[in-house]
């Protein structure tokens, strides 16, 4: 009897999700409304300790430049040594068919929004990242750290450094005995992160230092955090999560250019003299239903 052929080093992971809001590092990307996403990732396992990957993920967004989607193109390598799993890679954020809004008809086809907020002509940008996860207790408890860096966050010219710590605890599965749904897993997880942002390029009508009148706009740093409870069955996950930041509504407006920002005297600051404030960075409870599969495991 011939031995079975060796397992292929190639695999494809794919899936999607529906969510009540697309929150990215504490800030809504869908105007506090529902969103969807889908992804596909090709993987090549060099050996048990090294995996190379490349993928793409697409998000439905509602942003000031009106792109058709947020399209994330990424790739990297994942080394694993015992209880330690690493991930080093590159990601490009592509926003197709953006439209610039600014009171500069010679360059912008659309006027500034009624509240006065303006946008760049395009906000594509890239990051490099490093991640590490330590499995403290096998199949039970994990802690991790992540670092992302971009020399021009959202193509503003301001560098961006995002660093966060994570934790996840998985409890014992329980039996539901409800139709085809038998054993259900669950976990709790959370993240605390800090975004350090620099000063934008000088862009008349869009980014101007409102204190000096010259140079770009210094962007506010901020903290963000989330915590949630998730249930898993087969390839499906239902996640309910709380998100928040320490951004004021005025500073949220500086980072987002939210077309729906509203005036309040309490939002007035040296860099935000117009007093506009956005709700995109406020606290949120978000539900997400997702499915995640791999070809080698789920399509045999």
Protein backbone atom coordinates (compact mmCIF):
# COMPACT_ATOMS: atom_id res chain seq x y z
CA UNK A 1 0.00 0.00 0.00
CA UNK A 2 1.42 3.35 -1.05
CA UNK A 3 1.90 6.03 1.62
CA UNK A 4 -0.36 9.07 1.34
CA UNK A 5 1.10 11.97 -0.64
CA UNK A 6 2.72 14.72 1.44
CA UNK A 7 0.51 17.62 2.41
CA UNK A 8 0.71 20.60 0.07
CA UNK A 9 2.62 23.59 1.46
CA UNK A 10 0.05 25.89 -0.21
CA UNK A 11 -3.21 26.97 1.38
CA UNK A 12 -5.80 29.71 0.92
CA UNK A 13 -7.64 31.39 3.78
CA UNK A 14 -10.77 33.37 3.01
CA UNK A 15 -13.86 34.74 4.67
CA UNK A 16 -15.98 37.76 5.40
CA UNK A 17 -18.00 39.58 8.00
CA UNK A 18 -20.98 41.83 8.63
CA UNK A 19 -20.75 44.41 11.41
CA UNK A 20 -22.82 47.21 12.88
CA UNK A 21 -19.88 49.63 12.48
CA UNK A 22 -16.38 49.40 10.99
CA UNK A 23 -14.13 50.73 13.74
CA UNK A 24 -10.42 51.06 12.94
CA UNK A 25 -8.14 51.88 15.88
CA UNK A 26 -10.98 53.57 17.72
CA UNK A 27 -12.38 55.62 14.82
CA UNK A 28 -15.46 54.74 12.76
CA UNK A 29 -14.81 54.25 9.06
CA UNK A 30 -18.49 53.83 8.19
CA UNK A 31 -20.11 56.92 9.73
CA UNK A 32 -21.22 54.84 12.74
CA UNK A 33 -23.25 52.67 10.37
CA UNK A 34 -23.15 49.05 9.23
CA UNK A 35 -20.35 47.67 7.07
CA UNK A 36 -19.15 44.46 5.42
CA UNK A 37 -15.76 42.99 4.60
CA UNK A 38 -14.30 40.09 2.62
CA UNK A 39 -10.75 38.77 2.32
CA UNK A 40 -8.58 36.15 0.67
CA UNK A 41 -5.05 35.17 1.73
CA UNK A 42 -2.62 32.80 0.01
CA UNK A 43 -0.17 31.01 2.31
CA UNK A 44 2.99 28.99 1.69
CA UNK A 45 4.39 26.97 4.58
CA UNK A 46 8.15 26.71 4.13
CA UNK A 47 8.47 24.46 7.19
CA UNK A 48 6.64 24.14 10.54
CA UNK A 49 8.33 27.32 11.78
CA UNK A 50 8.00 29.62 8.75
CA UNK A 51 5.04 30.72 6.66
CA UNK A 52 4.93 33.29 3.83
CA UNK A 53 1.62 34.98 2.96
CA UNK A 54 -0.01 37.59 0.72
CA UNK A 55 -3.62 38.71 0.69
CA UNK A 56 -6.26 41.35 0.11
CA UNK A 57 -9.18 42.55 2.22
CA UNK A 58 -12.02 44.83 1.13
CA UNK A 59 -14.14 46.98 3.46
CA UNK A 60 -17.31 48.97 2.85
CA UNK A 61 -16.58 52.49 4.09
CA UNK A 62 -18.24 55.90 4.37
CA UNK A 63 -15.41 58.44 4.35
CA UNK A 64 -15.10 62.14 3.42
CA UNK A 65 -13.35 61.40 0.09
CA UNK A 66 -16.15 58.99 -0.94
CA UNK A 67 -13.97 56.02 -2.02
CA UNK A 68 -15.69 52.92 -3.37
CA UNK A 69 -13.98 50.82 -0.67
CA UNK A 70 -10.99 50.49 1.57
CA UNK A 71 -8.86 47.88 -0.18
CA UNK A 72 -6.03 46.47 1.95
CA UNK A 73 -3.21 44.73 0.05
CA UNK A 74 -0.70 43.01 2.31
CA UNK A 75 2.01 40.38 2.61
CA UNK A 76 4.64 39.14 5.00
CA UNK A 77 6.19 36.27 6.92
CA UNK A 78 5.05 34.46 10.08
CA UNK A 79 7.78 32.73 12.10
CA UNK A 80 6.65 30.49 14.99
CA UNK A 81 8.92 29.17 17.74
CA UNK A 82 7.21 27.13 20.41
CA UNK A 83 4.72 29.33 22.27
CA UNK A 84 5.89 32.45 20.40
CA UNK A 85 4.26 33.48 17.10
CA UNK A 86 5.59 36.45 15.12
CA UNK A 87 4.26 38.32 12.08
CA UNK A 88 6.24 40.84 10.02
CA UNK A 89 4.74 42.48 6.96
CA UNK A 90 3.67 45.37 4.76
CA UNK A 91 0.17 46.68 4.08
CA UNK A 92 -1.06 49.18 1.49
CA UNK A 93 -4.38 50.97 2.11
CA UNK A 94 -5.96 51.79 -1.25
CA UNK A 95 -9.07 54.01 -1.54
CA UNK A 96 -10.26 53.86 -5.18
CA UNK A 97 -12.09 56.70 -6.94
CA UNK A 98 -11.70 59.30 -4.22
CA UNK A 99 -13.10 62.80 -4.69
CA UNK A 100 -11.50 65.92 -3.28
CA UNK A 101 -13.66 68.45 -1.45
CA UNK A 102 -12.04 71.87 -0.99
CA UNK A 103 -12.68 75.52 -1.76
CA UNK A 104 -10.01 75.49 -4.46
CA UNK A 105 -11.79 75.02 -7.81
CA UNK A 106 -8.49 74.95 -9.70
CA UNK A 107 -7.58 71.62 -8.04
CA UNK A 108 -10.73 70.28 -6.33
CA UNK A 109 -13.76 69.22 -8.40
CA UNK A 110 -16.07 69.46 -5.36
CA UNK A 111 -16.42 72.35 -2.89
CA UNK A 112 -15.67 71.98 0.81
CA UNK A 113 -18.45 70.39 2.82
CA UNK A 114 -21.14 72.71 4.21
CA UNK A 115 -19.53 72.57 7.66
CA UNK A 116 -16.24 73.77 6.15
CA UNK A 117 -14.28 70.51 6.23
CA UNK A 118 -11.98 69.82 3.26
CA UNK A 119 -10.15 66.73 2.03
CA UNK A 120 -7.06 65.68 0.12
CA UNK A 121 -7.39 64.41 -3.44
CA UNK A 122 -6.34 60.91 -2.34
CA UNK A 123 -5.50 59.27 0.98
CA UNK A 124 -3.75 56.01 -0.01
CA UNK A 125 -0.87 55.12 2.30
CA UNK A 126 1.25 52.19 3.50
CA UNK A 127 2.51 50.73 6.76
CA UNK A 128 5.06 48.19 7.90
CA UNK A 129 4.24 46.13 10.96
CA UNK A 130 5.51 43.65 13.50
CA UNK A 131 3.40 41.51 15.81
CA UNK A 132 4.13 38.93 18.48
CA UNK A 133 1.81 36.60 20.41
CA UNK A 134 2.83 34.50 23.41
CA UNK A 135 0.64 31.49 24.24
CA UNK A 136 0.91 31.67 28.03
CA UNK A 137 -1.43 28.71 28.62
CA UNK A 138 -1.97 26.25 25.78
CA UNK A 139 -5.29 26.83 24.00
CA UNK A 140 -6.39 29.09 26.88
CA UNK A 141 -4.53 32.36 27.36
CA UNK A 142 -2.53 34.59 25.00
CA UNK A 143 -0.90 38.02 25.28
CA UNK A 144 0.54 40.02 22.41
CA UNK A 145 2.02 43.25 21.14
CA UNK A 146 1.70 45.05 17.80
CA UNK A 147 3.58 47.93 16.15
CA UNK A 148 2.59 49.65 12.88
CA UNK A 149 4.50 52.52 11.26
CA UNK A 150 3.72 54.78 8.30
CA UNK A 151 5.84 57.73 7.11
CA UNK A 152 2.69 59.44 5.79
CA UNK A 153 -0.53 58.52 7.58
CA UNK A 154 -3.47 58.80 5.18
CA UNK A 155 -1.10 60.55 2.72
CA UNK A 156 -1.04 63.62 4.98
CA UNK A 157 2.74 63.76 5.33
CA UNK A 158 2.40 63.13 9.09
CA UNK A 159 4.19 60.02 10.32
CA UNK A 160 2.09 57.58 12.32
CA UNK A 161 3.19 55.03 14.91
CA UNK A 162 0.54 52.74 16.38
CA UNK A 163 1.52 50.39 19.22
CA UNK A 164 -0.82 48.16 21.19
CA UNK A 165 -0.99 45.32 23.68
CA UNK A 166 -3.55 42.51 23.50
CA UNK A 167 -4.87 39.72 25.67
CA UNK A 168 -7.23 36.82 25.00
CA UNK A 169 -8.69 34.10 27.22
CA UNK A 170 -10.62 31.13 25.81
CA UNK A 171 -12.99 29.29 28.11
CA UNK A 172 -14.14 25.70 27.93
CA UNK A 173 -16.69 25.06 25.14
CA UNK A 174 -20.25 24.39 26.21
CA UNK A 175 -22.98 22.28 24.64
CA UNK A 176 -26.00 24.10 23.27
CA UNK A 177 -27.86 21.17 21.66
CA UNK A 178 -29.84 23.50 19.44
CA UNK A 179 -30.47 21.87 16.06
CA UNK A 180 -27.17 21.47 14.23
CA UNK A 181 -25.40 23.78 16.69
CA UNK A 182 -23.87 21.48 19.26
CA UNK A 183 -20.62 22.61 20.90
CA UNK A 184 -19.97 26.36 21.15
CA UNK A 185 -16.65 27.91 22.03
CA UNK A 186 -16.17 31.32 23.58
CA UNK A 187 -13.45 33.80 24.45
CA UNK A 188 -12.92 37.26 25.86
CA UNK A 189 -10.27 39.58 24.44
CA UNK A 190 -9.12 43.16 24.56
CA UNK A 191 -6.59 45.66 23.27
CA UNK A 192 -5.08 48.92 24.49
CA UNK A 193 -3.27 51.02 21.89
CA UNK A 194 -1.61 54.40 21.44
CA UNK A 195 -1.37 56.35 18.18
CA UNK A 196 1.49 58.85 17.86
CA UNK A 197 0.93 61.19 14.92
CA UNK A 198 3.22 63.89 13.53
CA UNK A 199 2.62 67.10 11.58
CA UNK A 200 0.99 67.11 8.16
CA UNK A 201 2.38 68.68 5.02
CA UNK A 202 1.25 72.25 4.36
CA UNK A 203 -1.79 71.98 2.05
CA UNK A 204 -3.61 75.32 1.57
CA UNK A 205 -7.29 75.00 2.35
CA UNK A 206 -6.84 71.56 3.90
CA UNK A 207 -3.89 71.41 6.34
CA UNK A 208 -2.64 74.66 7.85
CA UNK A 209 -1.20 75.31 11.30
CA UNK A 210 -3.95 77.51 12.71
CA UNK A 211 -1.69 78.90 15.44
CA UNK A 212 1.26 80.10 13.34
CA UNK A 213 -0.57 80.41 10.01
CA UNK A 214 2.29 78.64 8.23
CA UNK A 215 3.31 75.01 7.96
CA UNK A 216 1.25 71.88 8.34
CA UNK A 217 -1.24 70.88 11.02
CA UNK A 218 0.10 69.07 14.12
CA UNK A 219 -2.16 66.07 14.63
CA UNK A 220 -3.25 64.93 18.10
CA UNK A 221 -1.96 61.68 19.60
CA UNK A 222 -4.52 59.47 21.29
CA UNK A 223 -5.24 56.29 23.24
CA UNK A 224 -7.79 53.72 22.17
CA UNK A 225 -9.05 50.50 23.73
CA UNK A 226 -11.55 47.73 23.15
CA UNK A 227 -12.87 44.68 24.98
CA UNK A 228 -15.35 42.05 23.91
CA UNK A 229 -16.93 38.63 24.20
CA UNK A 230 -17.11 36.23 21.26
CA UNK A 231 -18.81 32.91 20.57
CA UNK A 232 -17.53 30.45 17.96
CA UNK A 233 -19.12 27.53 16.16
CA UNK A 234 -17.57 25.70 13.24
CA UNK A 235 -16.19 28.49 10.98
CA UNK A 236 -18.46 31.21 12.43
CA UNK A 237 -17.80 33.84 15.10
CA UNK A 238 -20.21 36.25 16.78
CA UNK A 239 -18.34 39.08 18.51
CA UNK A 240 -19.79 41.89 20.65
CA UNK A 241 -17.20 44.52 21.52
CA UNK A 242 -16.89 47.90 23.22
CA UNK A 243 -14.60 50.53 21.62
CA UNK A 244 -13.50 53.91 22.93
CA UNK A 245 -10.77 56.58 22.72
CA UNK A 246 -9.63 59.58 24.74
CA UNK A 247 -10.10 61.90 21.75
CA UNK A 248 -12.25 64.95 22.26
CA UNK A 249 -14.88 65.63 19.60
CA UNK A 250 -12.79 68.56 18.37
CA UNK A 251 -9.64 66.45 17.97
CA UNK A 252 -11.73 63.73 16.34
CA UNK A 253 -12.77 66.28 13.72
CA UNK A 254 -9.12 67.18 13.06
CA UNK A 255 -8.31 63.51 12.35
CA UNK A 256 -11.38 62.64 10.30
CA UNK A 257 -12.66 65.72 8.46
CA UNK A 258 -16.12 64.29 9.18
CA UNK A 259 -18.70 65.92 6.85
CA UNK A 260 -21.25 65.55 9.65
CA UNK A 261 -19.20 67.37 12.31
CA UNK A 262 -21.15 70.06 14.15
CA UNK A 263 -20.20 73.28 15.88
CA UNK A 264 -20.00 73.55 19.64
CA UNK A 265 -18.23 76.25 21.63
CA UNK A 266 -16.66 73.51 23.73
CA UNK A 267 -14.84 72.17 20.66
CA UNK A 268 -12.98 75.41 19.98
CA UNK A 269 -9.20 75.09 20.38
CA UNK A 270 -6.13 76.80 18.89
CA UNK A 271 -5.93 74.22 16.10
CA UNK A 272 -9.71 73.87 15.75
CA UNK A 273 -10.94 77.49 15.81
CA UNK A 274 -14.07 76.58 13.89
CA UNK A 275 -15.31 74.54 16.86
CA UNK A 276 -16.37 71.50 14.80
CA UNK A 277 -16.77 68.20 16.63
CA UNK A 278 -17.17 64.65 15.33
CA UNK A 279 -18.82 61.62 16.94
CA UNK A 280 -16.76 59.12 14.92
CA UNK A 281 -14.28 58.61 17.80
CA UNK A 282 -16.79 58.21 20.63
CA UNK A 283 -17.65 55.06 22.55
CA UNK A 284 -19.40 52.29 20.61
CA UNK A 285 -20.70 48.79 21.14
CA UNK A 286 -20.30 46.87 17.90
CA UNK A 287 -21.63 43.49 16.86
CA UNK A 288 -19.80 41.46 14.23
CA UNK A 289 -20.70 38.14 12.58
CA UNK A 290 -17.88 36.53 10.60
CA UNK A 291 -16.88 33.34 8.80
CA UNK A 292 -13.27 32.23 8.33
CA UNK A 293 -12.22 29.21 6.28
CA UNK A 294 -9.13 27.61 4.76
CA UNK A 295 -9.09 25.52 1.60
CA UNK A 296 -7.07 22.65 3.08
CA UNK A 297 -9.38 22.30 6.09
CA UNK A 298 -12.85 23.30 4.91
CA UNK A 299 -12.91 22.48 1.20
CA UNK A 300 -11.60 18.92 1.17
